[in-house]
Amino acid sequence: MNIKKELETKVGKANGIYLNNIDIDLLSIKAIMINEVVPSDPLQDFYGIPDADYLKTTIPLLQGAGTEVTSIQDILQKGIYITNAVKTPKTDYAIDRRSIENSLPYLEAELSLFPNIKVIMLMGDVAKKAFNMIAKKSTKKNVIPAVSTYKLRKNEIYYKGIRVMPSYIMTGGNILIEKSKVTMATEDIANMLEIIK
């Protein structure tokens, strides 16, 4: 199934919304990693060019967690789908709530496409916020408590039978600066890989 076409059918087309234009076997996906925001250049996104900026940090994280991947196709073959919480490029340093809200119908529809999900990884605070906004619609409360990620990492959090793992941002230049967060994100990804084996 083509993700972009399916989401546009379900939610509608919108200017400035970037969706993953990729064909996927939905049944083969066991984990979803939600990154914070699409890049300003769609070619630098996960499903863009082979040496896209987003893959330059993501592939080493997965490799560090013990899985042999060198491309987005390898990642998909491991049963891992990657997407962005916010489907419009950011215009300021911070991502405002309205950007998250505008993308939410697409993210919610996207998550519902995959019937065999065991783990959803929330890579950064924006992903946590977006996921809580989706969950709140049905549960009336946040799934992820408003606590620092490092305090939540060891907790087993579930939403509709799916393990939800808050972790750290997986793209951008800052990830290379904060070595401790890279280490923790790698550990979290290793846990995810163990669950979906």
Protein backbone atom coordinates (compact mmCIF):
# COMPACT_ATOMS: atom_id res chain seq x y z
CA MET A 1 0.00 0.00 0.00
CA ASN A 2 1.20 3.51 -0.76
CA ILE A 3 1.18 5.44 2.52
CA LYS A 4 0.79 8.90 0.97
CA LYS A 5 -2.12 7.90 -1.27
CA GLU A 6 -3.89 6.08 1.55
CA LEU A 7 -3.55 9.01 3.98
CA GLU A 8 -4.73 11.49 1.36
CA THR A 9 -7.75 9.25 0.74
CA LYS A 10 -8.52 8.97 4.46
CA VAL A 11 -7.70 12.53 5.60
CA GLY A 12 -7.52 14.60 2.41
CA LYS A 13 -4.81 16.55 0.61
CA ALA A 14 -3.37 19.64 2.26
CA ASN A 15 -0.81 22.19 1.12
CA GLY A 16 2.54 21.92 2.83
CA ILE A 17 1.82 18.50 4.38
CA TYR A 18 4.66 16.06 3.61
CA LEU A 19 3.65 12.40 3.66
CA ASN A 20 5.77 9.29 3.13
CA ASN A 21 5.38 8.45 -0.56
CA ILE A 22 6.35 4.80 -0.23
CA ASP A 23 4.78 1.40 -0.86
CA ILE A 24 4.81 -0.84 2.20
CA ASP A 25 3.55 -4.27 3.19
CA LEU A 26 1.58 -3.12 6.23
CA LEU A 27 1.46 -6.59 7.78
CA SER A 28 5.26 -6.84 7.96
CA ILE A 29 5.67 -3.79 10.22
CA LYS A 30 6.01 -4.54 13.94
CA ALA A 31 7.46 -1.24 15.21
CA ILE A 32 6.92 2.42 14.40
CA MET A 33 9.48 5.06 15.26
CA ILE A 34 7.97 8.55 15.37
CA ASN A 35 10.49 11.32 14.72
CA GLU A 36 9.64 14.94 15.53
CA VAL A 37 9.26 16.88 12.25
CA VAL A 38 9.75 16.56 8.49
CA PRO A 39 12.81 18.30 7.03
CA SER A 40 12.36 21.37 4.86
CA ASP A 41 13.66 19.36 1.88
CA PRO A 42 11.64 16.14 1.38
CA LEU A 43 14.67 14.50 -0.27
CA GLN A 44 16.44 14.63 3.14
CA ASP A 45 13.64 12.68 4.85
CA PHE A 46 13.82 8.96 5.67
CA TYR A 47 12.36 7.90 2.31
CA GLY A 48 14.16 10.53 0.23
CA ILE A 49 17.59 10.09 -1.36
CA PRO A 50 19.80 7.15 -0.24
CA ASP A 51 22.18 9.37 1.78
CA ALA A 52 19.46 11.64 3.20
CA ASP A 53 20.35 13.71 6.28
CA TYR A 54 17.72 11.93 8.41
CA LEU A 55 19.30 8.55 7.64
CA LYS A 56 22.79 9.80 8.54
CA THR A 57 21.87 9.79 12.23
CA THR A 58 19.15 7.10 12.22
CA ILE A 59 21.16 4.29 10.61
CA PRO A 60 24.07 4.62 13.11
CA LEU A 61 21.56 4.51 16.01
CA LEU A 62 20.07 1.27 14.69
CA GLN A 63 23.52 -0.17 14.01
CA GLY A 64 24.60 0.79 17.52
CA ALA A 65 21.58 -1.11 18.83
CA GLY A 66 22.88 -4.25 17.13
CA THR A 67 20.98 -4.49 13.86
CA GLU A 68 22.67 -4.63 10.48
CA VAL A 69 21.06 -1.93 8.37
CA THR A 70 22.53 0.36 5.72
CA SER A 71 19.39 1.74 4.06
CA ILE A 72 15.74 2.57 4.68
CA GLN A 73 14.82 -0.64 2.82
CA ASP A 74 16.88 -2.64 5.34
CA ILE A 75 15.04 -0.89 8.16
CA LEU A 76 11.65 -1.71 6.63
CA GLN A 77 12.71 -5.34 6.14
CA LYS A 78 13.42 -5.51 9.88
CA GLY A 79 9.75 -4.64 10.43
CA ILE A 80 10.40 -1.00 11.40
CA TYR A 81 8.49 1.92 9.88
CA ILE A 82 9.68 5.47 10.53
CA THR A 83 7.51 8.56 10.29
CA ASN A 84 7.34 12.15 11.53
CA ALA A 85 4.84 13.52 14.05
CA VAL A 86 4.71 16.95 12.41
CA LYS A 87 4.16 16.74 8.65
CA THR A 88 5.06 20.37 7.88
CA PRO A 89 8.63 21.73 8.09
CA LYS A 90 9.31 23.94 11.08
CA THR A 91 9.69 27.65 10.53
CA ASP A 92 11.03 28.53 14.00
CA TYR A 93 13.46 26.83 16.36
CA ALA A 94 10.59 25.42 18.40
CA ILE A 95 7.58 23.56 17.01
CA ASP A 96 4.33 25.21 18.02
CA ARG A 97 1.23 23.36 19.16
CA ARG A 98 -0.74 24.38 16.06
CA SER A 99 1.77 22.59 13.79
CA ILE A 100 1.29 19.43 15.84
CA GLU A 101 -2.51 19.77 15.75
CA ASN A 102 -2.55 20.32 11.96
CA SER A 103 -0.58 17.11 11.40
CA LEU A 104 -2.41 15.02 14.01
CA PRO A 105 -5.17 13.65 11.72
CA TYR A 106 -2.48 12.33 9.36
CA LEU A 107 -0.39 10.78 12.13
CA GLU A 108 -3.44 9.19 13.74
CA ALA A 109 -4.60 7.72 10.41
CA GLU A 110 -1.06 6.58 9.65
CA LEU A 111 -0.70 4.70 12.95
CA SER A 112 -4.04 2.98 12.34
CA LEU A 113 -2.81 1.46 9.05
CA PHE A 114 -0.53 -1.08 10.73
CA PRO A 115 -2.35 -4.04 12.35
CA ASN A 116 0.69 -5.92 13.75
CA ILE A 117 2.42 -3.19 15.77
CA LYS A 118 4.10 -4.31 19.00
CA VAL A 119 6.09 -1.13 19.75
CA ILE A 120 5.74 2.58 19.10
CA MET A 121 8.88 4.58 19.82
CA LEU A 122 8.47 8.29 20.49
CA MET A 123 11.73 9.90 19.42
CA GLY A 124 11.71 13.25 21.20
CA ASP A 125 9.34 15.56 23.07
CA VAL A 126 7.27 16.57 20.03
CA ALA A 127 6.55 12.91 19.26
CA LYS A 128 5.55 12.38 22.91
CA LYS A 129 3.25 15.40 22.83
CA ALA A 130 1.61 14.34 19.54
CA PHE A 131 1.06 10.78 20.74
CA ASN A 132 -0.46 12.00 24.02
CA MET A 133 -2.85 14.21 22.02
CA ILE A 134 -3.99 11.17 20.01
CA ALA A 135 -4.33 8.92 23.06
CA LYS A 136 -6.21 11.57 25.04
CA LYS A 137 -9.07 11.45 22.53
CA SER A 138 -9.95 7.89 23.56
CA THR A 139 -8.57 7.59 27.09
CA LYS A 140 -9.13 11.20 28.29
CA LYS A 141 -5.63 11.19 29.75
CA ASN A 142 -1.98 11.22 28.68
CA VAL A 143 -0.36 7.85 28.06
CA ILE A 144 3.10 9.31 28.63
CA PRO A 145 3.37 11.14 31.97
CA ALA A 146 4.77 14.69 31.95
CA VAL A 147 8.09 13.54 33.38
CA SER A 148 11.62 13.72 31.95
CA THR A 149 12.30 11.02 29.39
CA TYR A 150 15.26 9.60 31.31
CA LYS A 151 12.92 8.88 34.26
CA LEU A 152 10.37 7.13 32.00
CA ARG A 153 12.72 5.00 29.92
CA LYS A 154 12.66 1.94 32.19
CA ASN A 155 8.87 1.99 32.68
CA GLU A 156 6.68 -0.33 30.65
CA ILE A 157 3.96 1.86 29.17
CA TYR A 158 1.16 0.37 27.06
CA TYR A 159 -1.56 1.87 24.88
CA LYS A 160 -4.19 -0.49 23.44
CA GLY A 161 -1.84 -3.42 24.04
CA ILE A 162 1.10 -1.76 22.25
CA ARG A 163 4.31 -0.97 24.11
CA VAL A 164 5.00 2.77 23.92
CA MET A 165 8.62 3.77 24.47
CA PRO A 166 9.56 7.42 24.99
CA SER A 167 13.13 8.09 23.84
CA TYR A 168 15.28 10.86 22.39
CA ILE A 169 15.37 12.69 19.08
CA MET A 170 16.95 10.68 16.27
CA THR A 171 17.70 13.35 13.64
CA GLY A 172 19.50 16.66 13.36
CA GLY A 173 22.95 17.95 14.20
CA ASN A 174 22.28 18.23 17.94
CA ILE A 175 22.14 14.47 18.36
CA LEU A 176 25.86 14.29 17.69
CA ILE A 177 26.59 16.74 20.52
CA GLU A 178 24.68 14.98 23.31
CA LYS A 179 26.49 11.65 23.60
CA SER A 180 24.49 10.50 26.65
CA LYS A 181 21.22 10.87 24.73
CA VAL A 182 22.68 8.93 21.80
CA THR A 183 23.62 6.14 24.23
CA MET A 184 20.15 6.10 25.78
CA ALA A 185 18.36 6.20 22.39
CA THR A 186 20.54 3.30 21.21
CA GLU A 187 19.63 1.30 24.35
CA ASP A 188 15.93 2.05 23.79
CA ILE A 189 16.15 0.91 20.17
CA ALA A 190 17.89 -2.29 21.30
CA ASN A 191 14.94 -2.95 23.65
CA MET A 192 12.51 -2.35 20.80
CA LEU A 193 14.43 -4.78 18.57
CA GLU A 194 14.26 -7.40 21.31
CA ILE A 195 10.46 -7.03 21.56
CA ILE A 196 9.84 -7.37 17.82
CA LYS A 197 12.26 -10.28 17.21
